[in-house]
Protein backbone atom coordinates (compact mmCIF):
# COMPACT_ATOMS: atom_id res chain seq x y z
CA MET A 1 35.43 -25.20 7.64
CA GLN A 2 31.82 -24.19 7.28
CA VAL A 3 29.87 -25.26 4.21
CA ILE A 4 26.94 -23.19 3.02
CA ASN A 5 24.77 -24.53 0.23
CA LYS A 6 23.16 -22.49 -2.51
CA LYS A 7 19.64 -23.23 -1.25
CA SER A 8 20.43 -21.73 2.17
CA VAL A 9 21.88 -18.61 0.60
CA GLY A 10 18.82 -18.29 -1.66
CA GLU A 11 16.45 -18.63 1.29
CA THR A 12 18.34 -16.01 3.29
CA LEU A 13 18.32 -13.58 0.37
CA ALA A 14 14.62 -14.26 -0.25
CA PHE A 15 13.80 -13.52 3.41
CA GLU A 16 15.69 -10.22 3.18
CA CYS A 17 13.78 -9.32 0.02
CA LEU A 18 10.48 -10.29 1.65
CA ALA A 19 11.20 -7.97 4.58
CA GLU A 20 11.98 -5.13 2.19
CA LEU A 21 8.90 -5.98 0.11
CA HIS A 22 6.73 -5.71 3.21
CA LYS A 23 8.01 -2.16 3.85
CA VAL A 24 7.51 -1.14 0.22
CA LYS A 25 3.98 -2.55 0.10
CA GLU A 26 3.16 -0.55 3.21
CA THR A 27 4.45 2.62 1.53
CA VAL A 28 2.26 1.95 -1.52
CA ARG A 29 -0.72 1.21 0.73
CA ILE A 30 -0.24 4.48 2.62
CA PHE A 31 -0.32 6.50 -0.62
CA GLU A 32 -3.35 4.58 -1.91
CA HIS A 33 -5.13 5.29 1.36
CA LYS A 34 -4.04 8.94 1.46
CA TYR A 35 -5.36 9.67 -2.04
CA GLY A 36 -8.08 7.02 -2.27
CA LYS A 37 -6.89 5.80 -5.67
CA SER A 38 -4.31 3.77 -7.51
CA LEU A 39 -1.01 5.15 -8.74
CA HIS A 40 -2.32 5.13 -12.31
CA GLN A 41 -5.41 7.14 -11.30
CA PHE A 42 -3.20 9.56 -9.37
CA GLU A 43 -0.96 10.03 -12.42
CA ASN A 44 -4.03 10.97 -14.45
CA GLN A 45 -5.11 13.41 -11.74
CA LEU A 46 -1.70 15.10 -11.78
CA GLU A 47 -1.91 15.64 -15.53
CA ASN A 48 -5.17 17.54 -15.09
CA GLU A 49 -4.40 19.70 -12.05
CA GLN A 50 -2.33 22.79 -11.43
CA GLU A 51 1.12 22.30 -9.95
CA ASP A 52 1.03 20.98 -6.42
CA PHE A 53 4.47 20.31 -5.00
CA GLU A 54 3.21 17.99 -2.24
CA HIS A 55 1.35 15.90 -4.80
CA TYR A 56 4.37 15.81 -7.08
CA ASP A 57 6.71 14.79 -4.23
CA ASP A 58 4.27 12.05 -3.19
CA TYR A 59 4.01 10.93 -6.80
CA ILE A 60 7.78 10.54 -7.09
CA ASP A 61 7.97 8.55 -3.85
CA TRP A 62 4.91 6.47 -4.74
CA LYS A 63 6.15 5.65 -8.22
CA ALA A 64 9.60 4.70 -6.87
CA ALA A 65 8.00 2.42 -4.27
CA ALA A 66 5.79 0.79 -6.91
CA LYS A 67 8.80 0.17 -9.16
CA TRP A 68 10.89 -1.19 -6.30
CA LYS A 69 7.98 -3.48 -5.38
CA GLU A 70 8.03 -4.94 -8.90
CA VAL A 71 11.80 -5.44 -8.75
CA LEU A 72 11.62 -7.17 -5.37
CA GLU A 73 8.77 -9.46 -6.46
CA LYS A 74 10.74 -10.50 -9.52
CA ARG A 75 13.91 -11.01 -7.46
CA ILE A 76 12.04 -13.18 -4.95
CA GLU A 77 10.69 -15.38 -7.75
CA GLU A 78 14.20 -15.75 -9.19
CA LEU A 79 15.58 -16.69 -5.78
CA LYS A 80 12.81 -19.25 -5.20
CA HIS A 81 13.78 -20.96 -8.44
CA GLY A 82 17.51 -20.84 -7.68
CA ASN A 83 18.21 -18.39 -10.49
CA PHE A 84 21.21 -16.60 -9.00
CA LYS A 85 24.98 -17.02 -8.87
CA ILE A 86 27.28 -17.25 -5.89
CA THR A 87 30.77 -15.92 -6.49
C-alpha cells in the first residue's frame, strides 16, 4: 500500500499550476509587447477605433489569458495554504 499525504498532493498540484501560470504569463507578455500597452489601455483603444477583427481576436485571447492568470494565482495561494480537499 502506498500512502500519499495531503502536503505532497498540494505541492504536485501547485507545480502543475505554476507550469500553466508560466505559459499564461508568456501569452500576456506577448500581447503587451505586440501592442506596447496594458490590457486596460488596449480595451480603451478598442472602444475608440473602428472594427478591427485581428485586434478583437487578440483582445479576446488576451483577456482570457489575463483572467486565467488570476485564477491560477489564486489557486496556487490556496494550495500553498492547504486549502483544498482530497476525495
